[in-house]
Amino acid sequence: MSRSSKATGLDTTTRIDVMARANNACERCWLSIVNQPGAIHHRRTRGMGGNRLSNYVENCVVLCEPCHTWVGANPNEAAATGWYVRQWDDPETVPLTNIYGHTFLLDGEGRVDL
């Protein structure tokens, strides 16, 4: 049985898969989070219609501390660029756009460039 993080509810396997997909870097700005503060962010949070079933790889992204702060402070722009997903949307179908204008989807296989 996998251990879960109390903060996010993510099991160890999901956490490792998300970090591996991101190559231990922020998926919004590509800043390395090795030895730096960072977070695994739920795109559709429990408060936005998610629940414990939201703890899957396609719903989670790695963000550095500045990007995680930006997402929280700018929810409308974060939603427009895919970093927040509204409760009626499916994270697997909502594209993300990083700070460099690169757009991609997250699916069961990883990142899909658009």
Protein backbone atom coordinates (compact mmCIF):
# COMPACT_ATOMS: atom_id res chain seq x y z
CA MET A 1 0.00 0.00 0.00
CA SER A 2 1.32 3.43 -0.95
CA ARG A 3 1.78 6.16 1.62
CA SER A 4 -0.07 9.44 1.07
CA SER A 5 0.97 13.02 1.67
CA LYS A 6 -1.32 14.66 4.22
CA ALA A 7 -1.10 17.97 2.35
CA THR A 8 -2.30 16.74 -1.06
CA GLY A 9 -3.55 13.21 -0.59
CA LEU A 10 -1.23 12.04 -3.37
CA ASP A 11 0.12 8.54 -3.07
CA THR A 12 3.86 8.04 -3.49
CA THR A 13 3.56 6.51 -6.97
CA THR A 14 1.53 9.44 -8.31
CA ARG A 15 3.93 11.95 -6.75
CA ILE A 16 6.93 10.18 -8.35
CA ASP A 17 5.16 10.00 -11.75
CA VAL A 18 4.30 13.73 -11.69
CA MET A 19 7.85 14.71 -10.71
CA ALA A 20 9.33 12.42 -13.40
CA ARG A 21 7.07 13.87 -16.11
CA ALA A 22 8.20 17.36 -15.06
CA ASN A 23 11.85 16.31 -14.86
CA ASN A 24 11.95 17.93 -11.39
CA ALA A 25 11.23 21.37 -12.87
CA CYS A 26 8.34 23.79 -12.74
CA GLU A 27 6.01 22.95 -15.63
CA ARG A 28 5.05 26.62 -16.06
CA CYS A 29 8.49 28.31 -16.18
CA TRP A 30 10.94 25.34 -16.30
CA LEU A 31 12.86 26.49 -13.21
CA SER A 32 14.50 23.49 -11.56
CA ILE A 33 12.96 22.71 -8.19
CA VAL A 34 15.85 20.51 -7.08
CA ASN A 35 16.81 21.93 -3.68
CA GLN A 36 14.25 24.73 -4.23
CA PRO A 37 10.73 25.21 -2.86
CA GLY A 38 8.07 23.76 -5.12
CA ALA A 39 4.67 22.12 -4.99
CA ILE A 40 2.53 19.59 -6.78
CA HIS A 41 -0.54 21.62 -7.69
CA HIS A 42 -3.99 20.14 -8.36
CA ARG A 43 -5.35 21.81 -11.47
CA ARG A 44 -8.93 20.99 -10.43
CA THR A 45 -8.84 21.38 -6.68
CA ARG A 46 -11.20 19.80 -4.20
CA GLY A 47 -12.73 23.23 -3.68
CA MET A 48 -13.40 23.51 -7.43
CA GLY A 49 -15.33 20.24 -7.71
CA GLY A 50 -12.47 17.83 -7.26
CA ASN A 51 -12.19 15.17 -4.57
CA ARG A 52 -9.77 12.42 -3.58
CA LEU A 53 -10.31 11.04 -7.08
CA SER A 54 -8.58 14.23 -8.29
CA ASN A 55 -5.26 12.72 -7.21
CA TYR A 56 -4.23 11.47 -10.63
CA VAL A 57 -1.23 12.43 -12.74
CA GLU A 58 -3.12 14.38 -15.43
CA ASN A 59 -4.69 16.64 -12.80
CA CYS A 60 -1.39 17.48 -11.11
CA VAL A 61 1.48 19.73 -12.17
CA VAL A 62 4.79 20.68 -10.60
CA LEU A 63 5.13 24.40 -9.86
CA CYS A 64 7.94 26.40 -8.33
CA GLU A 65 7.02 28.64 -5.41
CA PRO A 66 6.66 31.85 -7.51
CA CYS A 67 4.44 30.12 -10.10
CA HIS A 68 2.34 28.42 -7.42
CA THR A 69 1.86 31.83 -5.77
CA TRP A 70 0.94 33.36 -9.16
CA VAL A 71 -1.68 30.66 -9.83
CA GLY A 72 -3.30 31.31 -6.44
CA ALA A 73 -3.24 35.09 -6.86
CA ASN A 74 -4.51 35.09 -10.48
CA PRO A 75 -7.25 32.43 -10.70
CA ASN A 76 -8.92 33.78 -13.84
CA GLU A 77 -5.70 34.03 -15.84
CA ALA A 78 -4.58 30.68 -14.39
CA ALA A 79 -7.85 29.13 -15.62
CA ALA A 80 -7.45 30.76 -19.04
CA THR A 81 -3.98 29.20 -19.37
CA GLY A 82 -4.96 25.78 -17.94
CA TRP A 83 -3.27 25.93 -14.54
CA TYR A 84 -6.68 25.93 -12.87
CA VAL A 85 -9.44 23.73 -14.27
CA ARG A 86 -13.07 24.62 -13.57
CA GLN A 87 -15.24 21.96 -11.94
CA TRP A 88 -17.16 21.27 -15.17
CA ASP A 89 -14.00 20.68 -17.24
CA ASP A 90 -11.83 17.58 -17.54
CA PRO A 91 -8.13 18.26 -16.84
CA GLU A 92 -7.16 15.83 -19.61
CA THR A 93 -8.90 18.01 -22.22
CA VAL A 94 -7.84 21.46 -20.96
CA PRO A 95 -4.55 22.61 -22.51
CA LEU A 96 -1.89 24.39 -20.49
CA THR A 97 0.23 27.29 -21.71
CA ASN A 98 3.56 27.98 -20.03
CA ILE A 99 5.12 31.43 -19.64
CA TYR A 100 6.91 31.02 -22.98
CA GLY A 101 3.65 30.50 -24.90
CA HIS A 102 4.15 26.74 -25.37
CA THR A 103 0.80 24.89 -25.22
CA PHE A 104 0.42 21.23 -24.27
CA LEU A 105 -2.00 18.67 -22.82
CA LEU A 106 -1.36 16.12 -20.09
CA ASP A 107 -2.59 12.60 -20.80
CA GLY A 108 -1.91 9.14 -19.45
CA GLU A 109 1.35 8.99 -21.43
CA GLY A 110 2.76 12.35 -20.32
CA ARG A 111 2.91 15.72 -22.07
CA VAL A 112 1.44 16.14 -25.57
CA ASP A 113 2.64 19.22 -27.46
CA LEU A 114 -0.01 21.17 -29.36
